[in-house]
Amino acid sequence: MSSKDVRKGMTKAKFNEENASILFGEIGLIAIGLGLFAQSWWVFGGVLLGLLLAILIPGIAIVLMVAFSLAWGAIGYAIGTLFDSFGASVVLCIIGFLFGLGVHLSALEWAQDVGTKENNL
């Protein structure tokens, strides 16, 4: 393995870790929001733990990452409506979804790397 490969791997790991901060921030905001909406600590704790556990289950994690990315697309669409342009809404929706998907999938890769037993030896 060359030093170039090691540097590339370290750069990717750092990028994934930074994106994991975004993912965990989203999970925290969702848990807080739903907890406040329901006015329940139980809802807050259940959503927080449920989402954190869900990212460790591959099939559920992918669906969750796509759902989070769709939310980014919806935010992009909403921003586009501020320009009174359907075209702007669609373009920002697509950009938001694709950008969100990239962030979420790299964060998921980091979470799964950290969560595997082989890497914790």
Foldseek 3Di string as FASTA:
>chain_A
DDPVVVVVVVVLLVLLQVLLVVVLVVQQVVLVVVCVVVVHPVSSVCSSVVVLVQLQDVVSVLVVLQVVLQVQLQVQLVVQVVVVDNVSSNVRSVVSSVVSSVSSVSNSVNSNCVPDPVNVD
